[in-house]
Amino acid sequence: MPRDCPSHVTVRVRSGLPSLRERRFAAELERSLRETCERGEFRVVHYSIQRDHLHLLVESAGKQALGRGMKAVSARIARAVNRVFRRSGPVLAGRYHLRVLRAPREVRNAVAYVLLNARRHGWKRTGTAPPPRIDEASSGRWFDGWRQGRGAVSREPPPVSRPHTWLLRLGWRRHGLIDPREIPGAGAR
């Protein structure tokens, strides 16, 4: 795994759990991520919370750093679920899914996919585009790459780290800023 390439990670939870999109869970996860979003050779740069899974864009200094970082983040996700929903026991549904991102367009598409994933799920469920808005259950509030003059919209300290790799800092911008009206994977741009 190249250290100059970010990765898109999907973490699924077991079936039968309440929706992770509850505001209480999002707040607890953000609190927890603030404490661990940057762990030396591993960092969480973007995230989105869906009903039964989470998407993360991460950077790491190799396979071992990624493994250690994901182990820590996965444990924090599981503890947050158990705390918020007053339960105990296993939370995660197997291992995480990983995709290394190697090209600027691939990174741009992944950023849009992660930050606009709730919009994508809404479109798939109803067949109509939900109104464009920044998803409260994502790191979109701290993102400075929105099109149409939308900068970061939250003054709270971010629960994510600033990107260090060229691809996540600057490279993806070669293919255009992210429009909140996009529906990733739907050909809408």
N, C-alpha and C. Protein backbone atom coordinates (compact mmCIF):
# COMPACT_ATOMS: atom_id res chain seq x y z
N MET A 1 0.84 -1.18 0.00
CA MET A 1 0.00 0.00 0.00
C MET A 1 0.89 1.24 0.00
N PRO A 2 0.77 2.09 -1.01
CA PRO A 2 1.59 3.29 -1.09
C PRO A 2 1.21 4.30 -0.01
N ARG A 3 2.20 4.92 0.61
CA ARG A 3 1.93 5.88 1.69
C ARG A 3 1.43 7.22 1.16
N ASP A 4 1.54 7.47 -0.14
CA ASP A 4 1.07 8.73 -0.68
C ASP A 4 -0.33 8.62 -1.30
N CYS A 5 -1.01 7.51 -1.04
CA CYS A 5 -2.36 7.30 -1.56
C CYS A 5 -3.35 7.13 -0.42
N PRO A 6 -4.45 7.90 -0.44
CA PRO A 6 -5.49 7.71 0.57
C PRO A 6 -6.30 6.44 0.28
N SER A 7 -7.14 6.05 1.22
CA SER A 7 -7.99 4.87 1.06
C SER A 7 -9.42 5.19 1.44
N HIS A 8 -10.35 4.53 0.76
CA HIS A 8 -11.77 4.60 1.10
C HIS A 8 -12.08 3.31 1.86
N VAL A 9 -12.57 3.45 3.08
CA VAL A 9 -12.86 2.31 3.94
C VAL A 9 -14.35 2.31 4.27
N THR A 10 -14.98 1.14 4.17
CA THR A 10 -16.37 0.97 4.56
C THR A 10 -16.41 0.02 5.74
N VAL A 11 -17.08 0.45 6.82
CA VAL A 11 -17.23 -0.37 8.03
C VAL A 11 -18.71 -0.64 8.21
N ARG A 12 -19.10 -1.91 8.23
CA ARG A 12 -20.50 -2.30 8.39
C ARG A 12 -20.76 -2.76 9.82
N VAL A 13 -22.01 -2.53 10.27
CA VAL A 13 -22.41 -3.03 11.59
C VAL A 13 -23.38 -4.19 11.40
N ARG A 14 -23.53 -4.97 12.43
CA ARG A 14 -24.41 -6.14 12.39
C ARG A 14 -25.86 -5.73 12.18
N SER A 15 -26.63 -6.62 11.59
CA SER A 15 -28.05 -6.33 11.39
C SER A 15 -28.75 -6.35 12.75
N GLY A 16 -29.87 -5.66 12.82
CA GLY A 16 -30.65 -5.62 14.05
C GLY A 16 -30.32 -4.45 14.96
N LEU A 17 -29.29 -3.68 14.63
CA LEU A 17 -28.95 -2.51 15.44
C LEU A 17 -29.81 -1.32 15.01
N PRO A 18 -30.04 -0.37 15.92
CA PRO A 18 -30.75 0.85 15.51
C PRO A 18 -29.94 1.60 14.45
N SER A 19 -30.59 2.51 13.76
CA SER A 19 -29.92 3.30 12.73
C SER A 19 -28.79 4.13 13.34
N LEU A 20 -27.63 4.07 12.71
CA LEU A 20 -26.49 4.87 13.17
C LEU A 20 -26.67 6.35 12.87
N ARG A 21 -27.66 6.70 12.06
CA ARG A 21 -27.86 8.11 11.70
C ARG A 21 -28.55 8.92 12.80
N GLU A 22 -28.83 8.29 13.92
CA GLU A 22 -29.39 9.04 15.05
C GLU A 22 -28.40 10.11 15.49
N ARG A 23 -28.93 11.28 15.79
CA ARG A 23 -28.10 12.42 16.18
C ARG A 23 -27.20 12.09 17.38
N ARG A 24 -27.73 11.32 18.32
CA ARG A 24 -26.92 10.96 19.52
C ARG A 24 -25.69 10.17 19.14
N PHE A 25 -25.84 9.23 18.19
CA PHE A 25 -24.69 8.45 17.78
C PHE A 25 -23.69 9.31 17.03
N ALA A 26 -24.18 10.16 16.12
CA ALA A 26 -23.28 11.02 15.35
C ALA A 26 -22.45 11.90 16.30
N ALA A 27 -23.09 12.47 17.31
CA ALA A 27 -22.38 13.32 18.27
C ALA A 27 -21.34 12.52 19.05
N GLU A 28 -21.69 11.32 19.46
CA GLU A 28 -20.76 10.48 20.21
C GLU A 28 -19.59 10.05 19.33
N LEU A 29 -19.87 9.69 18.08
CA LEU A 29 -18.79 9.30 17.18
C LEU A 29 -17.86 10.48 16.91
N GLU A 30 -18.42 11.66 16.70
CA GLU A 30 -17.59 12.84 16.47
C GLU A 30 -16.70 13.11 17.67
N ARG A 31 -17.24 13.01 18.86
CA ARG A 31 -16.44 13.20 20.08
C ARG A 31 -15.29 12.21 20.11
N SER A 32 -15.59 10.97 19.80
CA SER A 32 -14.58 9.92 19.82
C SER A 32 -13.54 10.11 18.71
N LEU A 33 -13.98 10.50 17.53
CA LEU A 33 -13.04 10.71 16.43
C LEU A 33 -12.10 11.88 16.71
N ARG A 34 -12.59 12.91 17.39
CA ARG A 34 -11.72 14.04 17.72
C ARG A 34 -10.49 13.57 18.50
N GLU A 35 -10.68 12.54 19.31
CA GLU A 35 -9.58 12.04 20.13
C GLU A 35 -8.62 11.16 19.35
N THR A 36 -9.05 10.62 18.22
CA THR A 36 -8.21 9.64 17.52
C THR A 36 -8.07 9.87 16.02
N CYS A 37 -8.57 10.98 15.49
CA CYS A 37 -8.56 11.16 14.03
C CYS A 37 -7.14 11.20 13.49
N GLU A 38 -6.18 11.58 14.31
CA GLU A 38 -4.79 11.59 13.85
C GLU A 38 -3.97 10.79 14.84
N ARG A 39 -3.44 9.67 14.36
CA ARG A 39 -2.66 8.76 15.20
C ARG A 39 -1.28 8.56 14.59
N GLY A 40 -0.49 9.60 14.52
CA GLY A 40 0.85 9.47 13.95
C GLY A 40 0.82 9.15 12.47
N GLU A 41 0.91 7.88 12.13
CA GLU A 41 0.98 7.47 10.73
C GLU A 41 -0.39 7.11 10.15
N PHE A 42 -1.46 7.45 10.84
CA PHE A 42 -2.83 7.14 10.38
C PHE A 42 -3.71 8.33 10.71
N ARG A 43 -4.60 8.68 9.79
CA ARG A 43 -5.54 9.76 10.07
C ARG A 43 -6.85 9.54 9.33
N VAL A 44 -7.96 9.95 9.97
CA VAL A 44 -9.28 9.97 9.34
C VAL A 44 -9.46 11.38 8.79
N VAL A 45 -9.73 11.49 7.48
CA VAL A 45 -9.84 12.79 6.83
C VAL A 45 -11.30 13.16 6.55
N HIS A 46 -12.13 12.19 6.18
CA HIS A 46 -13.56 12.42 5.95
C HIS A 46 -14.33 11.20 6.41
N TYR A 47 -15.61 11.41 6.73
CA TYR A 47 -16.47 10.28 7.11
C TYR A 47 -17.91 10.61 6.77
N SER A 48 -18.72 9.58 6.66
CA SER A 48 -20.17 9.73 6.64
C SER A 48 -20.78 8.53 7.33
N ILE A 49 -21.87 8.78 8.02
CA ILE A 49 -22.57 7.75 8.78
C ILE A 49 -23.86 7.43 8.04
N GLN A 50 -24.06 6.17 7.74
CA GLN A 50 -25.29 5.71 7.11
C GLN A 50 -26.04 4.83 8.11
N ARG A 51 -27.18 4.33 7.72
CA ARG A 51 -28.01 3.55 8.64
C ARG A 51 -27.26 2.37 9.24
N ASP A 52 -26.57 1.60 8.40
CA ASP A 52 -25.92 0.38 8.89
C ASP A 52 -24.44 0.28 8.52
N HIS A 53 -23.86 1.39 8.11
CA HIS A 53 -22.43 1.39 7.77
C HIS A 53 -21.87 2.80 7.83
N LEU A 54 -20.56 2.87 7.83
CA LEU A 54 -19.85 4.15 7.81
C LEU A 54 -18.85 4.12 6.67
N HIS A 55 -18.65 5.28 6.06
CA HIS A 55 -17.61 5.45 5.05
C HIS A 55 -16.55 6.36 5.64
N LEU A 56 -15.30 6.00 5.43
CA LEU A 56 -14.17 6.80 5.90
C LEU A 56 -13.19 7.00 4.76
N LEU A 57 -12.62 8.18 4.66
CA LEU A 57 -11.45 8.41 3.82
C LEU A 57 -10.29 8.58 4.79
N VAL A 58 -9.29 7.72 4.64
CA VAL A 58 -8.17 7.70 5.58
C VAL A 58 -6.86 7.78 4.83
N GLU A 59 -5.84 8.22 5.55
CA GLU A 59 -4.47 8.19 5.05
C GLU A 59 -3.65 7.39 6.04
N SER A 60 -2.68 6.64 5.52
CA SER A 60 -1.81 5.87 6.41
C SER A 60 -0.43 5.74 5.78
N ALA A 61 0.53 5.42 6.62
CA ALA A 61 1.91 5.27 6.17
C ALA A 61 2.20 3.81 5.87
N GLY A 62 1.27 3.11 5.28
CA GLY A 62 1.48 1.72 4.92
C GLY A 62 0.46 0.78 5.53
N LYS A 63 0.63 -0.48 5.20
CA LYS A 63 -0.34 -1.51 5.59
C LYS A 63 -0.44 -1.68 7.11
N GLN A 64 0.68 -1.70 7.80
CA GLN A 64 0.64 -1.88 9.26
C GLN A 64 0.00 -0.68 9.95
N ALA A 65 0.35 0.53 9.52
CA ALA A 65 -0.26 1.73 10.11
C ALA A 65 -1.77 1.75 9.86
N LEU A 66 -2.17 1.33 8.67
CA LEU A 66 -3.60 1.26 8.35
C LEU A 66 -4.28 0.25 9.27
N GLY A 67 -3.70 -0.92 9.44
CA GLY A 67 -4.28 -1.94 10.30
C GLY A 67 -4.43 -1.48 11.74
N ARG A 68 -3.39 -0.86 12.27
CA ARG A 68 -3.45 -0.35 13.66
C ARG A 68 -4.49 0.77 13.78
N GLY A 69 -4.49 1.67 12.81
CA GLY A 69 -5.45 2.78 12.85
C GLY A 69 -6.88 2.31 12.74
N MET A 70 -7.14 1.38 11.84
CA MET A 70 -8.50 0.88 11.68
C MET A 70 -8.94 0.06 12.90
N LYS A 71 -8.02 -0.61 13.52
CA LYS A 71 -8.36 -1.35 14.74
C LYS A 71 -8.83 -0.37 15.82
N ALA A 72 -8.12 0.73 15.96
CA ALA A 72 -8.49 1.75 16.95
C ALA A 72 -9.82 2.41 16.60
N VAL A 73 -10.00 2.79 15.34
CA VAL A 73 -11.25 3.44 14.92
C VAL A 73 -12.42 2.47 15.06
N SER A 74 -12.23 1.22 14.66
CA SER A 74 -13.31 0.22 14.75
C SER A 74 -13.73 0.01 16.20
N ALA A 75 -12.77 -0.04 17.09
CA ALA A 75 -13.09 -0.20 18.52
C ALA A 75 -13.88 1.01 19.02
N ARG A 76 -13.52 2.19 18.59
CA ARG A 76 -14.24 3.40 19.00
C ARG A 76 -15.67 3.41 18.45
N ILE A 77 -15.83 2.95 17.22
CA ILE A 77 -17.18 2.86 16.63
C ILE A 77 -18.03 1.89 17.46
N ALA A 78 -17.48 0.73 17.76
CA ALA A 78 -18.22 -0.28 18.53
C ALA A 78 -18.57 0.24 19.92
N ARG A 79 -17.64 0.86 20.59
CA ARG A 79 -17.93 1.40 21.94
C ARG A 79 -18.98 2.50 21.87
N ALA A 80 -18.91 3.35 20.84
CA ALA A 80 -19.90 4.43 20.70
C ALA A 80 -21.29 3.84 20.47
N VAL A 81 -21.40 2.82 19.62
CA VAL A 81 -22.70 2.17 19.39
C VAL A 81 -23.23 1.60 20.71
N ASN A 82 -22.41 0.87 21.43
CA ASN A 82 -22.86 0.25 22.68
C ASN A 82 -23.23 1.28 23.73
N ARG A 83 -22.47 2.38 23.81
CA ARG A 83 -22.79 3.44 24.79
C ARG A 83 -24.12 4.12 24.45
N VAL A 84 -24.26 4.56 23.21
CA VAL A 84 -25.44 5.33 22.81
C VAL A 84 -26.71 4.49 22.87
N PHE A 85 -26.64 3.25 22.44
CA PHE A 85 -27.83 2.42 22.38
C PHE A 85 -27.98 1.51 23.60
N ARG A 86 -27.15 1.77 24.62
CA ARG A 86 -27.22 1.05 25.91
C ARG A 86 -27.31 -0.47 25.70
N ARG A 87 -26.31 -0.97 25.03
CA ARG A 87 -26.26 -2.40 24.75
C ARG A 87 -24.84 -2.87 24.98
N SER A 88 -24.64 -4.16 24.84
CA SER A 88 -23.29 -4.72 24.90
C SER A 88 -23.18 -5.80 23.84
N GLY A 89 -21.98 -6.21 23.60
CA GLY A 89 -21.77 -7.28 22.63
C GLY A 89 -21.17 -6.78 21.33
N PRO A 90 -20.96 -7.71 20.41
CA PRO A 90 -20.34 -7.37 19.13
C PRO A 90 -21.19 -6.38 18.33
N VAL A 91 -20.51 -5.52 17.59
CA VAL A 91 -21.18 -4.48 16.81
C VAL A 91 -20.85 -4.62 15.32
N LEU A 92 -19.62 -4.83 15.00
CA LEU A 92 -19.19 -4.81 13.61
C LEU A 92 -19.51 -6.11 12.89
N ALA A 93 -19.86 -5.98 11.62
CA ALA A 93 -20.19 -7.14 10.78
C ALA A 93 -18.95 -7.49 9.96
N GLY A 94 -18.04 -8.20 10.57
CA GLY A 94 -16.84 -8.62 9.86
C GLY A 94 -15.81 -7.52 9.73
N ARG A 95 -14.90 -7.75 8.84
CA ARG A 95 -13.78 -6.84 8.61
C ARG A 95 -14.23 -5.68 7.73
N TYR A 96 -13.48 -4.62 7.74
CA TYR A 96 -13.78 -3.46 6.90
C TYR A 96 -13.42 -3.75 5.44
N HIS A 97 -14.02 -3.00 4.53
CA HIS A 97 -13.71 -3.08 3.11
C HIS A 97 -12.81 -1.90 2.76
N LEU A 98 -11.74 -2.15 2.02
CA LEU A 98 -10.75 -1.13 1.72
C LEU A 98 -10.55 -0.99 0.22
N ARG A 99 -10.43 0.26 -0.22
CA ARG A 99 -10.09 0.55 -1.61
C ARG A 99 -9.05 1.66 -1.62
N VAL A 100 -7.86 1.35 -2.12
CA VAL A 100 -6.79 2.35 -2.22
C VAL A 100 -7.09 3.24 -3.42
N LEU A 101 -6.94 4.55 -3.22
CA LEU A 101 -7.24 5.55 -4.25
C LEU A 101 -5.93 6.09 -4.81
N ARG A 102 -5.70 5.94 -6.11
CA ARG A 102 -4.39 6.23 -6.68
C ARG A 102 -4.36 7.41 -7.65
N ALA A 103 -5.50 7.90 -8.09
CA ALA A 103 -5.53 8.95 -9.11
C ALA A 103 -6.43 10.11 -8.66
N PRO A 104 -6.14 11.33 -9.11
CA PRO A 104 -6.94 12.49 -8.70
C PRO A 104 -8.44 12.33 -8.95
N ARG A 105 -8.85 11.82 -10.12
CA ARG A 105 -10.28 11.65 -10.39
C ARG A 105 -10.90 10.63 -9.44
N GLU A 106 -10.18 9.56 -9.18
CA GLU A 106 -10.65 8.52 -8.26
C GLU A 106 -10.85 9.10 -6.85
N VAL A 107 -9.93 9.96 -6.42
CA VAL A 107 -10.05 10.59 -5.10
C VAL A 107 -11.22 11.57 -5.09
N ARG A 108 -11.39 12.35 -6.15
CA ARG A 108 -12.51 13.30 -6.23
C ARG A 108 -13.84 12.56 -6.15
N ASN A 109 -13.94 11.45 -6.89
CA ASN A 109 -15.18 10.66 -6.86
C ASN A 109 -15.42 10.07 -5.47
N ALA A 110 -14.36 9.64 -4.80
CA ALA A 110 -14.51 9.07 -3.46
C ALA A 110 -14.93 10.14 -2.44
N VAL A 111 -14.37 11.34 -2.54
CA VAL A 111 -14.76 12.43 -1.63
C VAL A 111 -16.25 12.73 -1.82
N ALA A 112 -16.69 12.86 -3.07
CA ALA A 112 -18.11 13.12 -3.35
C ALA A 112 -18.96 11.96 -2.84
N TYR A 113 -18.52 10.73 -3.07
CA TYR A 113 -19.28 9.56 -2.64
C TYR A 113 -19.44 9.54 -1.13
N VAL A 114 -18.37 9.81 -0.40
CA VAL A 114 -18.44 9.77 1.06
C VAL A 114 -19.30 10.91 1.59
N LEU A 115 -19.03 12.13 1.17
CA LEU A 115 -19.74 13.28 1.74
C LEU A 115 -21.19 13.39 1.28
N LEU A 116 -21.51 12.81 0.13
CA LEU A 116 -22.88 12.88 -0.40
C LEU A 116 -23.57 11.53 -0.39
N ASN A 117 -23.09 10.60 0.43
CA ASN A 117 -23.63 9.25 0.42
C ASN A 117 -25.09 9.19 0.86
N ALA A 118 -25.49 10.00 1.82
CA ALA A 118 -26.89 10.01 2.25
C ALA A 118 -27.79 10.45 1.09
N ARG A 119 -27.32 11.39 0.30
CA ARG A 119 -28.07 11.84 -0.88
C ARG A 119 -28.21 10.70 -1.88
N ARG A 120 -27.14 9.94 -2.07
CA ARG A 120 -27.17 8.79 -2.98
C ARG A 120 -28.18 7.75 -2.50
N HIS A 121 -28.17 7.45 -1.18
CA HIS A 121 -29.10 6.46 -0.64
C HIS A 121 -30.55 6.95 -0.77
N GLY A 122 -30.79 8.25 -0.55
CA GLY A 122 -32.13 8.81 -0.70
C GLY A 122 -32.62 8.70 -2.13
N TRP A 123 -31.74 8.98 -3.08
CA TRP A 123 -32.09 8.88 -4.50
C TRP A 123 -32.39 7.43 -4.87
N LYS A 124 -31.57 6.49 -4.40
CA LYS A 124 -31.80 5.08 -4.71
C LYS A 124 -33.11 4.58 -4.12
N ARG A 125 -33.47 5.08 -2.94
CA ARG A 125 -34.68 4.63 -2.26
C ARG A 125 -35.94 5.19 -2.92
N THR A 126 -35.91 6.47 -3.32
CA THR A 126 -37.13 7.11 -3.81
C THR A 126 -37.15 7.36 -5.31
N GLY A 127 -35.98 7.36 -5.94
CA GLY A 127 -35.91 7.65 -7.37
C GLY A 127 -35.91 9.13 -7.69
N THR A 128 -35.98 9.98 -6.66
CA THR A 128 -35.91 11.43 -6.87
C THR A 128 -34.75 11.99 -6.04
N ALA A 129 -34.22 13.08 -6.52
CA ALA A 129 -33.07 13.69 -5.85
C ALA A 129 -33.53 14.42 -4.58
N PRO A 130 -32.95 14.09 -3.44
CA PRO A 130 -33.25 14.84 -2.22
C PRO A 130 -32.74 16.28 -2.37
N PRO A 131 -33.25 17.20 -1.58
CA PRO A 131 -32.77 18.59 -1.67
C PRO A 131 -31.27 18.64 -1.33
N PRO A 132 -30.53 19.49 -2.02
CA PRO A 132 -29.10 19.58 -1.73
C PRO A 132 -28.86 20.22 -0.36
N ARG A 133 -28.12 19.53 0.46
CA ARG A 133 -27.75 20.06 1.77
C ARG A 133 -26.53 19.29 2.25
N ILE A 134 -25.84 19.87 3.18
CA ILE A 134 -24.68 19.20 3.76
C ILE A 134 -25.18 18.25 4.83
N ASP A 135 -24.83 16.99 4.69
CA ASP A 135 -25.28 15.93 5.60
C ASP A 135 -24.70 16.15 6.99
N GLU A 136 -25.58 16.27 7.97
CA GLU A 136 -25.16 16.46 9.36
C GLU A 136 -24.41 15.25 9.92
N ALA A 137 -24.61 14.09 9.31
CA ALA A 137 -23.95 12.87 9.77
C ALA A 137 -22.71 12.58 8.93
N SER A 138 -22.00 13.65 8.58
CA SER A 138 -20.77 13.52 7.81
C SER A 138 -19.81 14.62 8.20
N SER A 139 -18.60 14.54 7.67
CA SER A 139 -17.61 15.58 7.92
C SER A 139 -17.77 16.74 6.94
N GLY A 140 -18.85 16.76 6.17
CA GLY A 140 -19.09 17.82 5.19
C GLY A 140 -19.13 19.21 5.79
N ARG A 141 -19.47 19.31 7.08
CA ARG A 141 -19.53 20.62 7.73
C ARG A 141 -18.15 21.27 7.86
N TRP A 142 -17.10 20.48 7.77
CA TRP A 142 -15.75 20.99 7.90
C TRP A 142 -15.00 20.97 6.58
N PHE A 143 -15.67 20.62 5.50
CA PHE A 143 -15.06 20.46 4.19
C PHE A 143 -14.96 21.81 3.49
N ASP A 144 -13.82 22.11 2.90
CA ASP A 144 -13.65 23.41 2.23
C ASP A 144 -13.62 23.29 0.71
N GLY A 145 -14.09 22.18 0.17
CA GLY A 145 -14.06 21.98 -1.27
C GLY A 145 -15.42 21.98 -1.93
N TRP A 146 -16.42 22.61 -1.30
CA TRP A 146 -17.75 22.69 -1.91
C TRP A 146 -17.75 23.73 -3.02
N ARG A 147 -18.46 23.44 -4.09
CA ARG A 147 -18.64 24.39 -5.19
C ARG A 147 -19.64 25.45 -4.75
N GLN A 148 -19.71 26.54 -5.48
CA GLN A 148 -20.67 27.62 -5.26
C GLN A 148 -20.39 28.39 -3.99
N GLY A 149 -19.13 28.59 -3.69
CA GLY A 149 -18.74 29.45 -2.58
C GLY A 149 -19.06 28.94 -1.20
N ARG A 150 -19.48 27.69 -1.08
CA ARG A 150 -19.74 27.14 0.24
C ARG A 150 -18.42 26.71 0.85
N GLY A 151 -18.02 27.35 1.93
CA GLY A 151 -16.82 26.92 2.63
C GLY A 151 -17.23 26.00 3.76
N ALA A 152 -16.30 25.73 4.64
CA ALA A 152 -16.63 24.95 5.82
C ALA A 152 -17.71 25.71 6.58
N VAL A 153 -18.74 25.01 7.05
CA VAL A 153 -19.89 25.67 7.66
C VAL A 153 -19.96 25.49 9.17
N SER A 154 -19.00 24.81 9.76
CA SER A 154 -19.03 24.62 11.21
C SER A 154 -17.84 25.29 11.87
N ARG A 155 -18.11 25.92 12.98
CA ARG A 155 -17.04 26.56 13.76
C ARG A 155 -16.53 25.63 14.86
N GLU A 156 -17.21 24.48 15.03
CA GLU A 156 -16.77 23.50 16.02
C GLU A 156 -15.42 22.93 15.59
N PRO A 157 -14.63 22.45 16.55
CA PRO A 157 -13.39 21.78 16.14
C PRO A 157 -13.72 20.52 15.34
N PRO A 158 -13.02 20.28 14.25
CA PRO A 158 -13.36 19.14 13.41
C PRO A 158 -12.99 17.80 14.05
N PRO A 159 -13.80 16.77 13.80
CA PRO A 159 -13.49 15.43 14.29
C PRO A 159 -12.60 14.67 13.31
N VAL A 160 -12.12 15.38 12.28
CA VAL A 160 -11.27 14.78 11.26
C VAL A 160 -9.97 15.56 11.16
N SER A 161 -8.99 14.91 10.54
CA SER A 161 -7.68 15.52 10.38
C SER A 161 -7.58 16.20 9.02
N ARG A 162 -6.68 17.16 8.92
CA ARG A 162 -6.38 17.74 7.61
C ARG A 162 -5.61 16.72 6.79
N PRO A 163 -5.89 16.65 5.49
CA PRO A 163 -5.17 15.68 4.66
C PRO A 163 -3.69 16.05 4.52
N HIS A 164 -2.85 15.03 4.42
CA HIS A 164 -1.41 15.23 4.21
C HIS A 164 -0.99 14.84 2.80
N THR A 165 -1.69 13.88 2.18
CA THR A 165 -1.30 13.44 0.84
C THR A 165 -1.70 14.48 -0.19
N TRP A 166 -0.90 14.60 -1.23
CA TRP A 166 -1.20 15.53 -2.31
C TRP A 166 -2.56 15.22 -2.93
N LEU A 167 -2.89 13.93 -3.09
CA LEU A 167 -4.15 13.55 -3.72
C LEU A 167 -5.36 14.08 -2.96
N LEU A 168 -5.35 14.01 -1.63
CA LEU A 168 -6.50 14.47 -0.84
C LEU A 168 -6.44 15.97 -0.53
N ARG A 169 -5.26 16.57 -0.58
CA ARG A 169 -5.14 18.00 -0.33
C ARG A 169 -5.49 18.80 -1.58
N LEU A 170 -4.85 18.45 -2.70
CA LEU A 170 -4.96 19.28 -3.90
C LEU A 170 -5.32 18.51 -5.16
N GLY A 171 -4.78 17.33 -5.34
CA GLY A 171 -4.90 16.60 -6.60
C GLY A 171 -6.32 16.43 -7.10
N TRP A 172 -7.25 16.07 -6.21
CA TRP A 172 -8.63 15.83 -6.62
C TRP A 172 -9.28 17.08 -7.19
N ARG A 173 -8.83 18.26 -6.77
CA ARG A 173 -9.44 19.51 -7.19
C ARG A 173 -9.26 19.78 -8.69
N ARG A 174 -8.34 19.09 -9.32
CA ARG A 174 -8.15 19.21 -10.77
C ARG A 174 -9.42 18.84 -11.53
N HIS A 175 -10.27 18.05 -10.90
CA HIS A 175 -11.49 17.56 -11.56
C HIS A 175 -12.74 18.28 -11.06
N GLY A 176 -12.57 19.41 -10.40
CA GLY A 176 -13.70 20.24 -9.99
C GLY A 176 -14.10 20.07 -8.54
N LEU A 177 -14.55 21.18 -7.96
CA LEU A 177 -15.04 21.15 -6.59
C LEU A 177 -16.33 20.32 -6.53
N ILE A 178 -16.73 19.96 -5.33
CA ILE A 178 -17.90 19.10 -5.13
C ILE A 178 -19.16 19.96 -5.06
N ASP A 179 -20.13 19.64 -5.88
CA ASP A 179 -21.41 20.33 -5.88
C ASP A 179 -22.37 19.57 -4.96
N PRO A 180 -22.97 20.23 -3.96
CA PRO A 180 -23.89 19.53 -3.06
C PRO A 180 -25.11 18.94 -3.76
N ARG A 181 -25.35 19.32 -5.02
CA ARG A 181 -26.48 18.76 -5.77
C ARG A 181 -26.15 17.44 -6.44
N GLU A 182 -24.87 17.06 -6.44
CA GLU A 182 -24.47 15.81 -7.09
C GLU A 182 -25.10 14.61 -6.40
N ILE A 183 -25.27 13.56 -7.18
CA ILE A 183 -25.65 12.27 -6.64
C ILE A 183 -24.58 11.31 -7.10
N PRO A 184 -23.66 10.95 -6.21
CA PRO A 184 -22.54 10.09 -6.63
C PRO A 184 -23.04 8.78 -7.24
N GLY A 185 -22.42 8.43 -8.35
CA GLY A 185 -22.76 7.17 -9.01
C GLY A 185 -24.02 7.22 -9.85
N ALA A 186 -24.67 8.38 -9.93
CA ALA A 186 -25.91 8.47 -10.70
C ALA A 186 -25.70 9.20 -12.02
N GLY A 187 -24.46 9.58 -12.27
CA GLY A 187 -24.18 10.32 -13.50
C GLY A 187 -24.61 11.77 -13.43
N ALA A 188 -25.07 12.23 -12.25
CA ALA A 188 -25.50 13.62 -12.10
C ALA A 188 -24.30 14.45 -11.67
N ARG A 189 -23.96 15.41 -12.46
CA ARG A 189 -22.83 16.28 -12.14
C ARG A 189 -23.12 17.69 -12.44
